């Protein structure tokens, strides 16, 4: 019984906190993301990332040309169209 009460309390408290954080949009239309990590981000260069903190930052803030969607099917992310030419040696992506 205690666990059910505790779980219910946590859900209600979380809902109240998230509702309070909603608020209205700022008049300037500027969006700000505040990010907290356990360590300093070493690099945002995708070819040089070796630590978990930098990888988490990139995974949550960078979008690629494609992403895996439902049932692991490839879906466009930034790429709106793809053109392949020159015997599959040249790929041209149109991004949003």
Protein backbone atom coordinates (compact mmCIF):
# COMPACT_ATOMS: atom_id res chain seq x y z
CA UNK A 1 0.00 0.00 0.00
CA UNK A 2 2.85 2.35 0.88
CA UNK A 3 4.48 1.86 -2.54
CA UNK A 4 1.25 2.71 -4.37
CA UNK A 5 0.86 5.84 -2.28
CA UNK A 6 4.49 6.81 -2.91
CA UNK A 7 4.19 6.17 -6.65
CA UNK A 8 0.98 8.20 -6.82
CA UNK A 9 2.61 11.06 -4.93
CA UNK A 10 5.60 11.08 -7.28
CA UNK A 11 3.32 11.17 -10.34
CA UNK A 12 1.23 14.03 -8.92
CA UNK A 13 4.29 16.02 -7.90
CA UNK A 14 5.93 15.50 -11.31
CA UNK A 15 2.76 16.58 -13.08
CA UNK A 16 2.51 19.71 -10.95
CA UNK A 17 6.14 20.64 -11.61
CA UNK A 18 5.89 20.06 -15.35
CA UNK A 19 2.66 22.05 -15.55
CA UNK A 20 4.26 24.94 -13.71
CA UNK A 21 7.20 24.91 -16.11
CA UNK A 22 4.92 25.25 -19.16
CA UNK A 23 4.18 28.95 -18.98
CA UNK A 24 3.57 31.20 -21.94
CA UNK A 25 5.92 31.88 -24.83
CA UNK A 26 8.19 34.89 -24.56
CA UNK A 27 7.21 37.92 -26.57
CA UNK A 28 10.52 37.89 -28.49
CA UNK A 29 9.91 34.37 -29.83
CA UNK A 30 13.45 33.41 -28.75
CA UNK A 31 13.83 29.83 -27.56
CA UNK A 32 16.49 28.92 -25.01
CA UNK A 33 17.76 25.47 -24.05
CA UNK A 34 19.59 25.16 -20.73
CA UNK A 35 21.61 21.95 -20.58
CA UNK A 36 23.19 20.46 -17.47
CA UNK A 37 25.80 17.69 -17.66
CA UNK A 38 27.83 15.86 -15.07
CA UNK A 39 31.09 16.80 -16.80
CA UNK A 40 32.24 19.42 -19.26
CA UNK A 41 31.48 18.65 -22.90
CA UNK A 42 34.85 17.96 -24.53
CA UNK A 43 33.87 18.46 -28.18
CA UNK A 44 30.86 18.82 -30.47
CA UNK A 45 32.79 17.50 -33.47
CA UNK A 46 30.97 14.28 -34.37
CA UNK A 47 34.17 12.71 -35.71
CA UNK A 48 36.09 13.27 -32.46
CA UNK A 49 33.56 12.41 -29.74
CA UNK A 50 34.84 9.77 -27.32
CA UNK A 51 33.12 10.63 -24.02
CA UNK A 52 29.54 9.94 -22.95
CA UNK A 53 28.79 13.55 -21.99
CA UNK A 54 29.61 14.91 -25.46
CA UNK A 55 27.75 12.03 -27.14
CA UNK A 56 24.64 12.73 -25.05
CA UNK A 57 24.80 16.41 -26.01
CA UNK A 58 25.09 15.58 -29.72
CA UNK A 59 22.33 12.96 -29.62
CA UNK A 60 19.93 15.45 -28.03
CA UNK A 61 20.75 18.51 -30.10
CA UNK A 62 21.87 17.43 -33.59
CA UNK A 63 19.63 16.02 -36.28
CA UNK A 64 21.04 14.07 -39.20
CA UNK A 65 19.81 13.66 -42.77
CA UNK A 66 17.78 10.58 -41.83
CA UNK A 67 16.56 8.90 -38.64
CA UNK A 68 15.13 5.56 -37.66
CA UNK A 69 11.39 5.74 -37.21
CA UNK A 70 8.78 3.28 -36.05
CA UNK A 71 9.76 -0.36 -36.60
CA UNK A 72 13.34 0.79 -37.41
CA UNK A 73 12.32 2.14 -40.83
CA UNK A 74 14.42 4.94 -42.28
CA UNK A 75 12.63 8.30 -42.39
CA UNK A 76 13.81 11.71 -43.57
CA UNK A 77 14.99 14.06 -40.82
CA UNK A 78 16.73 17.10 -42.34
CA UNK A 79 16.78 15.70 -45.89
CA UNK A 80 13.60 16.56 -47.77
CA UNK A 81 14.78 14.97 -51.02
CA UNK A 82 17.72 12.95 -52.33
CA UNK A 83 19.14 12.81 -55.86
CA UNK A 84 21.66 10.12 -56.79
CA UNK A 85 23.71 10.49 -59.99
CA UNK A 86 27.04 9.64 -61.62
CA UNK A 87 26.66 5.90 -61.09
CA UNK A 88 25.81 6.22 -57.37
CA UNK A 89 28.97 8.28 -56.78
CA UNK A 90 27.27 11.64 -56.34
CA UNK A 91 24.52 12.19 -53.79
CA UNK A 92 22.68 15.51 -53.54
CA UNK A 93 20.50 16.22 -50.50
CA UNK A 94 17.97 19.01 -50.16
CA UNK A 95 17.65 20.00 -46.50
CA UNK A 96 15.10 22.08 -44.64
